[in-house]
Amino acid sequence: MLRDFDGTSPSRVTQPVFPAVNVWQGDEAVAITAELPGVDPADIDISVKENVLTLSGERKAPEIPEGARWHRNERGFGKFARSVRLPFVAAEDKVEARMTNGVLRIVIGRPEEDKPRRIEIKAA
């Protein structure tokens, strides 16, 4: 009965989407950041197909000493995948990824034909 009051019953608990991502677009590129603390870059796959970027991998379970029991385990582990629709078709040679302090940053350059252009107005 107490679990009805403490807010931890399975019907009320929702897992956050992992990894959390931010996406923004500028004139030259789209940038995506993903929070991946504790994930080895070797365990991350990034693929681009047409206008969809897919980020997948695995956060491995932490090792605990033999005989130890979890007191609290809030950080999930296991396989993950996120797909992000891009505002343009990306060329694989214009994708760069770097991992710093557990944050993955992916920059995808916009194709020249997709970049905004200034149109000159000619005098009549």
PDB file of N, CA and C in Angstrom:
ATOM      1  N   MET A   1       0.817  -1.191   0.000  1.00  0.00           N
ATOM      2  CA  MET A   1       0.000   0.000   0.000  1.00  0.00           C
ATOM      3  C   MET A   1       0.863   1.257   0.000  1.00  0.00           C
ATOM      4  N   LEU A   2       1.991   1.231   0.705  1.00  0.00           N
ATOM      5  CA  LEU A   2       2.831   2.425   0.759  1.00  0.00           C
ATOM      6  C   LEU A   2       3.378   2.819  -0.603  1.00  0.00           C
ATOM      7  N   ARG A   3       3.601   1.850  -1.493  1.00  0.00           N
ATOM      8  CA  ARG A   3       4.154   2.215  -2.794  1.00  0.00           C
ATOM      9  C   ARG A   3       3.200   3.106  -3.585  1.00  0.00           C
ATOM     10  N   ASP A   4       1.905   3.081  -3.252  1.00  0.00           N
ATOM     11  CA  ASP A   4       0.961   3.970  -3.914  1.00  0.00           C
ATOM     12  C   ASP A   4       1.226   5.427  -3.569  1.00  0.00           C
ATOM     13  N   PHE A   5       1.918   5.682  -2.477  1.00  0.00           N
ATOM     14  CA  PHE A   5       2.154   7.046  -2.032  1.00  0.00           C
ATOM     15  C   PHE A   5       3.562   7.553  -2.311  1.00  0.00           C
ATOM     16  N   ASP A   6       4.495   6.639  -2.564  1.00  0.00           N
ATOM     17  CA  ASP A   6       5.874   7.117  -2.701  1.00  0.00           C
ATOM     18  C   ASP A   6       6.261   7.441  -4.137  1.00  0.00           C
ATOM     19  N   GLY A   7       5.367   7.237  -5.088  1.00  0.00           N
ATOM     20  CA  GLY A   7       5.639   7.621  -6.464  1.00  0.00           C
ATOM     21  C   GLY A   7       6.619   6.722  -7.188  1.00  0.00           C
ATOM     22  N   THR A   8       6.890   5.519  -6.655  1.00  0.00           N
ATOM     23  CA  THR A   8       7.844   4.641  -7.325  1.00  0.00           C
ATOM     24  C   THR A   8       7.200   3.393  -7.901  1.00  0.00           C
ATOM     25  N   SER A   9       5.897   3.333  -7.932  1.00  0.00           N
ATOM     26  CA  SER A   9       5.274   2.147  -8.508  1.00  0.00           C
ATOM     27  C   SER A   9       5.598   2.108  -9.998  1.00  0.00           C
ATOM     28  N   PRO A  10       5.768   0.913 -10.565  1.00  0.00           N
ATOM     29  CA  PRO A  10       6.174   0.792 -11.964  1.00  0.00           C
ATOM     30  C   PRO A  10       5.284   1.536 -12.940  1.00  0.00           C
ATOM     31  N   SER A  11       4.008   1.683 -12.637  1.00  0.00           N
ATOM     32  CA  SER A  11       3.116   2.363 -13.570  1.00  0.00           C
ATOM     33  C   SER A  11       3.391   3.861 -13.641  1.00  0.00           C
ATOM     34  N   ARG A  12       4.102   4.407 -12.685  1.00  0.00           N
ATOM     35  CA  ARG A  12       4.351   5.850 -12.660  1.00  0.00           C
ATOM     36  C   ARG A  12       5.776   6.224 -13.038  1.00  0.00           C
ATOM     37  N   VAL A  13       6.671   5.265 -13.105  1.00  0.00           N
ATOM     38  CA  VAL A  13       8.070   5.560 -13.382  1.00  0.00           C
ATOM     39  C   VAL A  13       8.301   5.510 -14.886  1.00  0.00           C
ATOM     40  N   THR A  14       8.875   6.569 -15.424  1.00  0.00           N
ATOM     41  CA  THR A  14       9.247   6.573 -16.831  1.00  0.00           C
ATOM     42  C   THR A  14      10.740   6.803 -16.932  1.00  0.00           C
ATOM     43  N   GLN A  15      11.369   6.108 -17.847  1.00  0.00           N
ATOM     44  CA  GLN A  15      12.798   6.256 -18.052  1.00  0.00           C
ATOM     45  C   GLN A  15      13.036   7.407 -19.025  1.00  0.00           C
ATOM     46  N   PRO A  16      14.022   8.243 -18.743  1.00  0.00           N
ATOM     47  CA  PRO A  16      14.347   9.299 -19.698  1.00  0.00           C
ATOM     48  C   PRO A  16      14.960   8.686 -20.953  1.00  0.00           C
ATOM     49  N   VAL A  17      14.825   9.386 -22.060  1.00  0.00           N
ATOM     50  CA  VAL A  17      15.416   8.927 -23.309  1.00  0.00           C
ATOM     51  C   VAL A  17      16.929   9.060 -23.190  1.00  0.00           C
ATOM     52  N   PHE A  18      17.657   8.018 -23.577  1.00  0.00           N
ATOM     53  CA  PHE A  18      19.116   8.048 -23.492  1.00  0.00           C
ATOM     54  C   PHE A  18      19.684   7.762 -24.861  1.00  0.00           C
ATOM     55  N   PRO A  19      20.655   8.501 -25.285  1.00  0.00           N
ATOM     56  CA  PRO A  19      21.219   9.673 -24.619  1.00  0.00           C
ATOM     57  C   PRO A  19      20.404  10.924 -24.930  1.00  0.00           C
ATOM     58  N   ALA A  20      20.461  11.882 -24.009  1.00  0.00           N
ATOM     59  CA  ALA A  20      19.832  13.176 -24.258  1.00  0.00           C
ATOM     60  C   ALA A  20      20.615  13.867 -25.371  1.00  0.00           C
ATOM     61  N   VAL A  21      19.903  14.461 -26.337  1.00  0.00           N
ATOM     62  CA  VAL A  21      20.577  15.138 -27.446  1.00  0.00           C
ATOM     63  C   VAL A  21      20.047  16.554 -27.619  1.00  0.00           C
ATOM     64  N   ASN A  22      20.924  17.417 -28.121  1.00  0.00           N
ATOM     65  CA  ASN A  22      20.553  18.756 -28.570  1.00  0.00           C
ATOM     66  C   ASN A  22      20.940  18.838 -30.036  1.00  0.00           C
ATOM     67  N   VAL A  23      20.113  19.502 -30.850  1.00  0.00           N
ATOM     68  CA  VAL A  23      20.388  19.658 -32.277  1.00  0.00           C
ATOM     69  C   VAL A  23      20.143  21.111 -32.643  1.00  0.00           C
ATOM     70  N   TRP A  24      21.089  21.713 -33.361  1.00  0.00           N
ATOM     71  CA  TRP A  24      20.866  23.062 -33.856  1.00  0.00           C
ATOM     72  C   TRP A  24      21.476  23.212 -35.229  1.00  0.00           C
ATOM     73  N   GLN A  25      20.936  24.166 -35.987  1.00  0.00           N
ATOM     74  CA  GLN A  25      21.348  24.368 -37.367  1.00  0.00           C
ATOM     75  C   GLN A  25      21.804  25.798 -37.565  1.00  0.00           C
ATOM     76  N   GLY A  26      22.913  25.952 -38.267  1.00  0.00           N
ATOM     77  CA  GLY A  26      23.410  27.258 -38.671  1.00  0.00           C
ATOM     78  C   GLY A  26      23.500  27.303 -40.186  1.00  0.00           C
ATOM     79  N   ASP A  27      24.066  28.377 -40.722  1.00  0.00           N
ATOM     80  CA  ASP A  27      24.195  28.504 -42.170  1.00  0.00           C
ATOM     81  C   ASP A  27      25.150  27.476 -42.761  1.00  0.00           C
ATOM     82  N   GLU A  28      26.165  27.075 -42.002  1.00  0.00           N
ATOM     83  CA  GLU A  28      27.206  26.189 -42.519  1.00  0.00           C
ATOM     84  C   GLU A  28      27.027  24.719 -42.144  1.00  0.00           C
ATOM     85  N   ALA A  29      26.330  24.434 -41.038  1.00  0.00           N
ATOM     86  CA  ALA A  29      26.288  23.054 -40.552  1.00  0.00           C
ATOM     87  C   ALA A  29      25.143  22.836 -39.574  1.00  0.00           C
ATOM     88  N   VAL A  30      24.925  21.566 -39.281  1.00  0.00           N
ATOM     89  CA  VAL A  30      24.053  21.143 -38.185  1.00  0.00           C
ATOM     90  C   VAL A  30      24.969  20.531 -37.139  1.00  0.00           C
ATOM     91  N   ALA A  31      24.713  20.832 -35.877  1.00  0.00           N
ATOM     92  CA  ALA A  31      25.505  20.260 -34.787  1.00  0.00           C
ATOM     93  C   ALA A  31      24.576  19.480 -33.869  1.00  0.00           C
ATOM     94  N   ILE A  32      25.061  18.339 -33.434  1.00  0.00           N
ATOM     95  CA  ILE A  32      24.315  17.476 -32.522  1.00  0.00           C
ATOM     96  C   ILE A  32      25.228  17.170 -31.348  1.00  0.00           C
ATOM     97  N   THR A  33      24.728  17.368 -30.132  1.00  0.00           N
ATOM     98  CA  THR A  33      25.483  16.946 -28.957  1.00  0.00           C
ATOM     99  C   THR A  33      24.665  15.878 -28.238  1.00  0.00           C
ATOM    100  N   ALA A  34      25.374  14.892 -27.723  1.00  0.00           N
ATOM    101  CA  ALA A  34      24.730  13.796 -26.997  1.00  0.00           C
ATOM    102  C   ALA A  34      25.498  13.555 -25.708  1.00  0.00           C
ATOM    103  N   GLU A  35      24.774  13.483 -24.599  1.00  0.00           N
ATOM    104  CA  GLU A  35      25.396  13.226 -23.299  1.00  0.00           C
ATOM    105  C   GLU A  35      25.590  11.724 -23.138  1.00  0.00           C
ATOM    106  N   LEU A  36      26.865  11.304 -23.073  1.00  0.00           N
ATOM    107  CA  LEU A  36      27.193   9.882 -22.982  1.00  0.00           C
ATOM    108  C   LEU A  36      28.228   9.617 -21.900  1.00  0.00           C
ATOM    109  N   PRO A  37      27.969  10.058 -20.657  1.00  0.00           N
ATOM    110  CA  PRO A  37      28.964   9.834 -19.604  1.00  0.00           C
ATOM    111  C   PRO A  37      29.173   8.346 -19.344  1.00  0.00           C
ATOM    112  N   GLY A  38      30.419   7.970 -19.206  1.00  0.00           N
ATOM    113  CA  GLY A  38      30.744   6.586 -18.901  1.00  0.00           C
ATOM    114  C   GLY A  38      30.723   5.646 -20.092  1.00  0.00           C
ATOM    115  N   VAL A  39      30.502   6.181 -21.298  1.00  0.00           N
ATOM    116  CA  VAL A  39      30.484   5.343 -22.493  1.00  0.00           C
ATOM    117  C   VAL A  39      31.811   5.508 -23.218  1.00  0.00           C
ATOM    118  N   ASP A  40      32.455   4.395 -23.507  1.00  0.00           N
ATOM    119  CA  ASP A  40      33.713   4.405 -24.248  1.00  0.00           C
ATOM    120  C   ASP A  40      33.414   4.761 -25.704  1.00  0.00           C
ATOM    121  N   PRO A  41      34.141   5.730 -26.291  1.00  0.00           N
ATOM    122  CA  PRO A  41      33.904   6.072 -27.700  1.00  0.00           C
ATOM    123  C   PRO A  41      33.983   4.857 -28.632  1.00  0.00           C
ATOM    124  N   ALA A  42      34.760   3.847 -28.262  1.00  0.00           N
ATOM    125  CA  ALA A  42      34.854   2.635 -29.084  1.00  0.00           C
ATOM    126  C   ALA A  42      33.541   1.850 -29.089  1.00  0.00           C
ATOM    127  N   ASP A  43      32.653   2.128 -28.135  1.00  0.00           N
ATOM    128  CA  ASP A  43      31.364   1.437 -28.040  1.00  0.00           C
ATOM    129  C   ASP A  43      30.229   2.227 -28.684  1.00  0.00           C
ATOM    130  N   ILE A  44      30.567   3.269 -29.464  1.00  0.00           N
ATOM    131  CA  ILE A  44      29.565   4.127 -30.104  1.00  0.00           C
ATOM    132  C   ILE A  44      29.681   3.992 -31.617  1.00  0.00           C
ATOM    133  N   ASP A  45      28.538   3.840 -32.283  1.00  0.00           N
ATOM    134  CA  ASP A  45      28.488   3.823 -33.746  1.00  0.00           C
ATOM    135  C   ASP A  45      27.670   5.013 -34.217  1.00  0.00           C
ATOM    136  N   ILE A  46      28.184   5.709 -35.225  1.00  0.00           N
ATOM    137  CA  ILE A  46      27.476   6.831 -35.838  1.00  0.00           C
ATOM    138  C   ILE A  46      27.326   6.497 -37.313  1.00  0.00           C
ATOM    139  N   SER A  47      26.104   6.577 -37.818  1.00  0.00           N
ATOM    140  CA  SER A  47      25.891   6.352 -39.244  1.00  0.00           C
ATOM    141  C   SER A  47      24.967   7.428 -39.792  1.00  0.00           C
ATOM    142  N   VAL A  48      25.156   7.736 -41.064  1.00  0.00           N
ATOM    143  CA  VAL A  48      24.312   8.708 -41.747  1.00  0.00           C
ATOM    144  C   VAL A  48      23.810   8.054 -43.021  1.00  0.00           C
ATOM    145  N   LYS A  49      22.497   8.066 -43.187  1.00  0.00           N
ATOM    146  CA  LYS A  49      21.898   7.577 -44.426  1.00  0.00           C
ATOM    147  C   LYS A  49      20.897   8.616 -44.877  1.00  0.00           C
ATOM    148  N   GLU A  50      21.186   9.216 -46.018  1.00  0.00           N
ATOM    149  CA  GLU A  50      20.389  10.302 -46.571  1.00  0.00           C
ATOM    150  C   GLU A  50      20.274  11.418 -45.538  1.00  0.00           C
ATOM    151  N   ASN A  51      19.074  11.647 -45.003  1.00  0.00           N
ATOM    152  CA  ASN A  51      18.931  12.750 -44.046  1.00  0.00           C
ATOM    153  C   ASN A  51      18.639  12.264 -42.624  1.00  0.00           C
ATOM    154  N   VAL A  52      19.112  11.058 -42.284  1.00  0.00           N
ATOM    155  CA  VAL A  52      18.927  10.532 -40.927  1.00  0.00           C
ATOM    156  C   VAL A  52      20.276  10.125 -40.350  1.00  0.00           C
ATOM    157  N   LEU A  53      20.595  10.694 -39.188  1.00  0.00           N
ATOM    158  CA  LEU A  53      21.793  10.306 -38.451  1.00  0.00           C
ATOM    159  C   LEU A  53      21.353   9.360 -37.343  1.00  0.00           C
ATOM    160  N   THR A  54      22.032   8.234 -37.223  1.00  0.00           N
ATOM    161  CA  THR A  54      21.728   7.271 -36.165  1.00  0.00           C
ATOM    162  C   THR A  54      22.940   7.106 -35.271  1.00  0.00           C
ATOM    163  N   LEU A  55      22.700   7.219 -33.989  1.00  0.00           N
ATOM    164  CA  LEU A  55      23.723   7.091 -32.954  1.00  0.00           C
ATOM    165  C   LEU A  55      23.333   5.867 -32.129  1.00  0.00           C
ATOM    166  N   SER A  56      24.226   4.883 -32.056  1.00  0.00           N
ATOM    167  CA  SER A  56      23.910   3.683 -31.284  1.00  0.00           C
ATOM    168  C   SER A  56      25.151   3.207 -30.550  1.00  0.00           C
ATOM    169  N   GLY A  57      24.935   2.370 -29.572  1.00  0.00           N
ATOM    170  CA  GLY A  57      26.067   1.852 -28.816  1.00  0.00           C
ATOM    171  C   GLY A  57      25.616   1.129 -27.572  1.00  0.00           C
ATOM    172  N   GLU A  58      26.532   1.072 -26.624  1.00  0.00           N
ATOM    173  CA  GLU A  58      26.229   0.370 -25.382  1.00  0.00           C
ATOM    174  C   GLU A  58      26.960   1.019 -24.218  1.00  0.00           C
ATOM    175  N   ARG A  59      26.215   1.252 -23.143  1.00  0.00           N
ATOM    176  CA  ARG A  59      26.834   1.668 -21.883  1.00  0.00           C
ATOM    177  C   ARG A  59      26.893   0.407 -21.034  1.00  0.00           C
ATOM    178  N   LYS A  60      28.116  -0.004 -20.735  1.00  0.00           N
ATOM    179  CA  LYS A  60      28.319  -1.255 -20.011  1.00  0.00           C
ATOM    180  C   LYS A  60      27.956  -1.102 -18.538  1.00  0.00           C
ATOM    181  N   ALA A  61      27.488  -2.196 -17.962  1.00  0.00           N
ATOM    182  CA  ALA A  61      27.118  -2.210 -16.542  1.00  0.00           C
ATOM    183  C   ALA A  61      28.369  -2.002 -15.692  1.00  0.00           C
ATOM    184  N   PRO A  62      28.256  -1.191 -14.651  1.00  0.00           N
ATOM    185  CA  PRO A  62      29.415  -0.992 -13.773  1.00  0.00           C
ATOM    186  C   PRO A  62      29.722  -2.265 -12.990  1.00  0.00           C
ATOM    187  N   GLU A  63      30.989  -2.461 -12.711  1.00  0.00           N
ATOM    188  CA  GLU A  63      31.393  -3.620 -11.912  1.00  0.00           C
ATOM    189  C   GLU A  63      31.324  -3.244 -10.439  1.00  0.00           C
ATOM    190  N   ILE A  64      30.745  -4.142  -9.651  1.00  0.00           N
ATOM    191  CA  ILE A  64      30.722  -3.929  -8.206  1.00  0.00           C
ATOM    192  C   ILE A  64      31.433  -5.114  -7.556  1.00  0.00           C
ATOM    193  N   PRO A  65      32.005  -4.894  -6.394  1.00  0.00           N
ATOM    194  CA  PRO A  65      32.743  -5.980  -5.738  1.00  0.00           C
ATOM    195  C   PRO A  65      31.845  -7.184  -5.452  1.00  0.00           C
ATOM    196  N   GLU A  66      32.457  -8.354  -5.462  1.00  0.00           N
ATOM    197  CA  GLU A  66      31.721  -9.579  -5.171  1.00  0.00           C
ATOM    198  C   GLU A  66      31.103  -9.489  -3.780  1.00  0.00           C
ATOM    199  N   GLY A  67      29.849  -9.859  -3.683  1.00  0.00           N
ATOM    200  CA  GLY A  67      29.143  -9.831  -2.411  1.00  0.00           C
ATOM    201  C   GLY A  67      28.482  -8.488  -2.112  1.00  0.00           C
ATOM    202  N   ALA A  68      28.808  -7.453  -2.887  1.00  0.00           N
ATOM    203  CA  ALA A  68      28.196  -6.137  -2.668  1.00  0.00           C
ATOM    204  C   ALA A  68      26.781  -6.137  -3.243  1.00  0.00           C
ATOM    205  N   ARG A  69      25.929  -5.273  -2.702  1.00  0.00           N
ATOM    206  CA  ARG A  69      24.565  -5.117  -3.188  1.00  0.00           C
ATOM    207  C   ARG A  69      24.350  -3.657  -3.542  1.00  0.00           C
ATOM    208  N   TRP A  70      23.515  -3.440  -4.521  1.00  0.00           N
ATOM    209  CA  TRP A  70      23.167  -2.070  -4.879  1.00  0.00           C
ATOM    210  C   TRP A  70      22.345  -1.448  -3.755  1.00  0.00           C
ATOM    211  N   HIS A  71      22.674  -0.239  -3.379  1.00  0.00           N
ATOM    212  CA  HIS A  71      21.841   0.551  -2.478  1.00  0.00           C
ATOM    213  C   HIS A  71      20.917   1.420  -3.328  1.00  0.00           C
ATOM    214  N   ARG A  72      21.472   1.982  -4.394  1.00  0.00           N
ATOM    215  CA  ARG A  72      20.705   2.787  -5.345  1.00  0.00           C
ATOM    216  C   ARG A  72      21.371   2.632  -6.702  1.00  0.00           C
ATOM    217  N   ASN A  73      20.590   2.412  -7.736  1.00  0.00           N
ATOM    218  CA  ASN A  73      21.125   2.237  -9.085  1.00  0.00           C
ATOM    219  C   ASN A  73      20.249   3.033 -10.044  1.00  0.00           C
ATOM    220  N   GLU A  74      20.589   4.296 -10.270  1.00  0.00           N
ATOM    221  CA  GLU A  74      19.779   5.181 -11.095  1.00  0.00           C
ATOM    222  C   GLU A  74      20.315   5.344 -12.511  1.00  0.00           C
ATOM    223  N   ARG A  75      21.587   5.021 -12.731  1.00  0.00           N
ATOM    224  CA  ARG A  75      22.163   5.156 -14.066  1.00  0.00           C
ATOM    225  C   ARG A  75      21.938   3.865 -14.830  1.00  0.00           C
ATOM    226  N   GLY A  76      21.199   3.974 -15.908  1.00  0.00           N
ATOM    227  CA  GLY A  76      20.916   2.793 -16.707  1.00  0.00           C
ATOM    228  C   GLY A  76      22.128   2.329 -17.496  1.00  0.00           C
ATOM    229  N   PHE A  77      22.048   1.120 -17.983  1.00  0.00           N
ATOM    230  CA  PHE A  77      23.096   0.594 -18.838  1.00  0.00           C
ATOM    231  C   PHE A  77      22.452  -0.335 -19.850  1.00  0.00           C
ATOM    232  N   GLY A  78      23.195  -0.654 -20.867  1.00  0.00           N
ATOM    233  CA  GLY A  78      22.695  -1.520 -21.925  1.00  0.00           C
ATOM    234  C   GLY A  78      22.820  -0.831 -23.267  1.00  0.00           C
ATOM    235  N   LYS A  79      22.204  -1.431 -24.266  1.00  0.00           N
ATOM    236  CA  LYS A  79      22.272  -0.898 -25.628  1.00  0.00           C
ATOM    237  C   LYS A  79      21.337   0.295 -25.763  1.00  0.00           C
ATOM    238  N   PHE A  80      21.720   1.225 -26.647  1.00  0.00           N
ATOM    239  CA  PHE A  80      20.892   2.395 -26.916  1.00  0.00           C
ATOM    240  C   PHE A  80      20.969   2.730 -28.397  1.00  0.00           C
ATOM    241  N   ALA A  81      19.987   3.472 -28.871  1.00  0.00           N
ATOM    242  CA  ALA A  81      19.986   3.975 -30.248  1.00  0.00           C
ATOM    243  C   ALA A  81      19.095   5.202 -30.314  1.00  0.00           C
ATOM    244  N   ARG A  82      19.570   6.216 -31.010  1.00  0.00           N
ATOM    245  CA  ARG A  82      18.783   7.429 -31.264  1.00  0.00           C
ATOM    246  C   ARG A  82      18.948   7.782 -32.732  1.00  0.00           C
ATOM    247  N   SER A  83      17.884   8.184 -33.371  1.00  0.00           N
ATOM    248  CA  SER A  83      17.941   8.654 -34.756  1.00  0.00           C
ATOM    249  C   SER A  83      17.452  10.086 -34.794  1.00  0.00           C
ATOM    250  N   VAL A  84      18.148  10.896 -35.587  1.00  0.00           N
ATOM    251  CA  VAL A  84      17.817  12.315 -35.712  1.00  0.00           C
ATOM    252  C   VAL A  84      17.633  12.622 -37.194  1.00  0.00           C
ATOM    253  N   ARG A  85      16.479  13.171 -37.537  1.00  0.00           N
ATOM    254  CA  ARG A  85      16.236  13.577 -38.922  1.00  0.00           C
ATOM    255  C   ARG A  85      16.931  14.918 -39.152  1.00  0.00           C
ATOM    256  N   LEU A  86      17.734  14.973 -40.205  1.00  0.00           N
ATOM    257  CA  LEU A  86      18.483  16.178 -40.544  1.00  0.00           C
ATOM    258  C   LEU A  86      17.686  17.018 -41.537  1.00  0.00           C
ATOM    259  N   PRO A  87      17.936  18.338 -41.571  1.00  0.00           N
ATOM    260  CA  PRO A  87      17.190  19.201 -42.494  1.00  0.00           C
ATOM    261  C   PRO A  87      17.708  19.132 -43.931  1.00  0.00           C
ATOM    262  N   PHE A  88      18.689  18.261 -44.198  1.00  0.00           N
ATOM    263  CA  PHE A  88      19.232  18.095 -45.543  1.00  0.00           C
ATOM    264  C   PHE A  88      19.873  16.721 -45.648  1.00  0.00           C
ATOM    265  N   VAL A  89      20.135  16.293 -46.868  1.00  0.00           N
ATOM    266  CA  VAL A  89      20.834  15.027 -47.093  1.00  0.00           C
ATOM    267  C   VAL A  89      22.315  15.277 -46.840  1.00  0.00           C
ATOM    268  N   ALA A  90      22.895  14.509 -45.937  1.00  0.00           N
ATOM    269  CA  ALA A  90      24.287  14.721 -45.533  1.00  0.00           C
ATOM    270  C   ALA A  90      25.233  13.881 -46.379  1.00  0.00           C
ATOM    271  N   ALA A  91      26.387  14.463 -46.679  1.00  0.00           N
ATOM    272  CA  ALA A  91      27.460  13.723 -47.338  1.00  0.00           C
ATOM    273  C   ALA A  91      28.374  13.174 -46.247  1.00  0.00           C
ATOM    274  N   GLU A  92      28.751  11.901 -46.345  1.00  0.00           N
ATOM    275  CA  GLU A  92      29.566  11.277 -45.298  1.00  0.00           C
ATOM    276  C   GLU A  92      30.891  11.991 -45.080  1.00  0.00           C
ATOM    277  N   ASP A  93      31.439  12.617 -46.117  1.00  0.00           N
ATOM    278  CA  ASP A  93      32.734  13.287 -45.976  1.00  0.00           C
ATOM    279  C   ASP A  93      32.631  14.628 -45.257  1.00  0.00           C
ATOM    280  N   LYS A  94      31.415  15.049 -44.902  1.00  0.00           N
ATOM    281  CA  LYS A  94      31.233  16.311 -44.181  1.00  0.00           C
ATOM    282  C   LYS A  94      30.765  16.084 -42.750  1.00  0.00           C
ATOM    283  N   VAL A  95      31.049  14.904 -42.197  1.00  0.00           N
ATOM    284  CA  VAL A  95      30.642  14.574 -40.828  1.00  0.00           C
ATOM    285  C   VAL A  95      31.891  14.445 -39.964  1.00  0.00           C
ATOM    286  N   GLU A  96      31.878  15.141 -38.814  1.00  0.00           N
ATOM    287  CA  GLU A  96      32.998  15.075 -37.872  1.00  0.00           C
ATOM    288  C   GLU A  96      32.434  14.836 -36.479  1.00  0.00           C
ATOM    289  N   ALA A  97      33.087  13.956 -35.710  1.00  0.00           N
ATOM    290  CA  ALA A  97      32.616  13.648 -34.353  1.00  0.00           C
ATOM    291  C   ALA A  97      33.779  13.707 -33.371  1.00  0.00           C
ATOM    292  N   ARG A  98      33.519  14.299 -32.195  1.00  0.00           N
ATOM    293  CA  ARG A  98      34.514  14.382 -31.117  1.00  0.00           C
ATOM    294  C   ARG A  98      33.815  14.124 -29.789  1.00  0.00           C
ATOM    295  N   MET A  99      34.539  13.476 -28.888  1.00  0.00           N
ATOM    296  CA  MET A  99      34.011  13.191 -27.546  1.00  0.00           C
ATOM    297  C   MET A  99      34.885  13.924 -26.540  1.00  0.00           C
ATOM    298  N   THR A 100      34.267  14.770 -25.713  1.00  0.00           N
ATOM    299  CA  THR A 100      34.979  15.510 -24.678  1.00  0.00           C
ATOM    300  C   THR A 100      34.168  15.463 -23.394  1.00  0.00           C
ATOM    301  N   ASN A 101      34.789  14.979 -22.323  1.00  0.00           N
ATOM    302  CA  ASN A 101      34.144  14.941 -21.003  1.00  0.00           C
ATOM    303  C   ASN A 101      32.757  14.298 -21.031  1.00  0.00           C
ATOM    304  N   GLY A 102      32.612  13.219 -21.773  1.00  0.00           N
ATOM    305  CA  GLY A 102      31.347  12.500 -21.802  1.00  0.00           C
ATOM    306  C   GLY A 102      30.289  13.098 -22.702  1.00  0.00           C
ATOM    307  N   VAL A 103      30.643  14.140 -23.470  1.00  0.00           N
ATOM    308  CA  VAL A 103      29.693  14.751 -24.400  1.00  0.00           C
ATOM    309  C   VAL A 103      30.202  14.533 -25.822  1.00  0.00           C
ATOM    310  N   LEU A 104      29.391  13.869 -26.632  1.00  0.00           N
ATOM    311  CA  LEU A 104      29.719  13.630 -28.032  1.00  0.00           C
ATOM    312  C   LEU A 104      29.176  14.788 -28.846  1.00  0.00           C
ATOM    313  N   ARG A 105      30.027  15.373 -29.684  1.00  0.00           N
ATOM    314  CA  ARG A 105      29.610  16.480 -30.556  1.00  0.00           C
ATOM    315  C   ARG A 105      29.815  16.031 -31.997  1.00  0.00           C
ATOM    316  N   ILE A 106      28.747  16.069 -32.767  1.00  0.00           N
ATOM    317  CA  ILE A 106      28.780  15.685 -34.174  1.00  0.00           C
ATOM    318  C   ILE A 106      28.421  16.923 -34.987  1.00  0.00           C
ATOM    319  N   VAL A 107      29.269  17.270 -35.945  1.00  0.00           N
ATOM    320  CA  VAL A 107      29.011  18.413 -36.820  1.00  0.00           C
ATOM    321  C   VAL A 107      28.889  17.884 -38.242  1.00  0.00           C
ATOM    322  N   ILE A 108      27.809  18.265 -38.907  1.00  0.00           N
ATOM    323  CA  ILE A 108      27.546  17.824 -40.271  1.00  0.00           C
ATOM    324  C   ILE A 108      27.447  19.061 -41.145  1.00  0.00           C
ATOM    325  N   GLY A 109      28.405  19.210 -42.045  1.00  0.00           N
ATOM    326  CA  GLY A 109      28.421  20.368 -42.936  1.00  0.00           C
ATOM    327  C   GLY A 109      27.278  20.321 -43.936  1.00  0.00           C
ATOM    328  N   ARG A 110      26.721  21.494 -44.205  1.00  0.00           N
ATOM    329  CA  ARG A 110      25.641  21.579 -45.187  1.00  0.00           C
ATOM    330  C   ARG A 110      26.218  21.534 -46.591  1.00  0.00           C
ATOM    331  N   PRO A 111      25.576  20.834 -47.499  1.00  0.00           N
ATOM    332  CA  PRO A 111      26.026  20.847 -48.890  1.00  0.00           C
ATOM    333  C   PRO A 111      25.910  22.264 -49.457  1.00  0.00           C
ATOM    334  N   GLU A 112      26.808  22.602 -50.363  1.00  0.00           N
ATOM    335  CA  GLU A 112      26.807  23.955 -50.945  1.00  0.00           C
ATOM    336  C   GLU A 112      25.441  24.321 -51.510  1.00  0.00           C
ATOM    337  N   GLU A 113      24.797  23.370 -52.184  1.00  0.00           N
ATOM    338  CA  GLU A 113      23.512  23.676 -52.819  1.00  0.00           C
ATOM    339  C   GLU A 113      22.398  23.925 -51.803  1.00  0.00           C
ATOM    340  N   ASP A 114      22.613  23.556 -50.549  1.00  0.00           N
ATOM    341  CA  ASP A 114      21.604  23.753 -49.512  1.00  0.00           C
ATOM    342  C   ASP A 114      21.844  25.016 -48.684  1.00  0.00           C
ATOM    343  N   LYS A 115      23.030  25.607 -48.809  1.00  0.00           N
ATOM    344  CA  LYS A 115      23.351  26.794 -48.009  1.00  0.00           C
ATOM    345  C   LYS A 115      22.569  27.999 -48.523  1.00  0.00           C
ATOM    346  N   PRO A 116      22.175  28.886 -47.606  1.00  0.00           N
ATOM    347  CA  PRO A 116      21.479  30.099 -48.039  1.00  0.00           C
ATOM    348  C   PRO A 116      22.400  30.949 -48.924  1.00  0.00           C
ATOM    349  N   ARG A 117      21.825  31.538 -49.943  1.00  0.00           N
ATOM    350  CA  ARG A 117      22.605  32.403 -50.838  1.00  0.00           C
ATOM    351  C   ARG A 117      21.972  33.779 -50.880  1.00  0.00           C
ATOM    352  N   ARG A 118      22.817  34.746 -50.989  1.00  0.00           N
ATOM    353  CA  ARG A 118      22.335  36.120 -51.143  1.00  0.00           C
ATOM    354  C   ARG A 118      22.063  36.347 -52.624  1.00  0.00           C
ATOM    355  N   ILE A 119      20.896  36.841 -52.919  1.00  0.00           N
ATOM    356  CA  ILE A 119      20.504  37.117 -54.300  1.00  0.00           C
ATOM    357  C   ILE A 119      20.683  38.607 -54.551  1.00  0.00           C
ATOM    358  N   GLU A 120      21.478  38.896 -55.544  1.00  0.00           N
ATOM    359  CA  GLU A 120      21.731  40.300 -55.886  1.00  0.00           C
ATOM    360  C   GLU A 120      20.540  40.864 -56.646  1.00  0.00           C
ATOM    361  N   ILE A 121      20.151  42.069 -56.281  1.00  0.00           N
ATOM    362  CA  ILE A 121      19.063  42.757 -56.971  1.00  0.00           C
ATOM    363  C   ILE A 121      19.698  43.725 -57.952  1.00  0.00           C
ATOM    364  N   LYS A 122      19.362  43.580 -59.214  1.00  0.00           N
ATOM    365  CA  LYS A 122      19.933  44.438 -60.253  1.00  0.00           C
ATOM    366  C   LYS A 122      19.023  45.633 -60.481  1.00  0.00           C
ATOM    367  N   ALA A 123      19.665  46.759 -60.684  1.00  0.00           N
ATOM    368  CA  ALA A 123      18.901  47.977 -60.966  1.00  0.00           C
ATOM    369  C   ALA A 123      18.346  47.893 -62.381  1.00  0.00           C
ATOM    370  N   ALA A 124      17.140  48.431 -62.566  1.00  0.00           N
ATOM    371  CA  ALA A 124      16.511  48.390 -63.892  1.00  0.00           C
ATOM    372  C   ALA A 124      17.001  49.507 -64.761  1.00  0.00           C
TER     373      ALA A 124
END
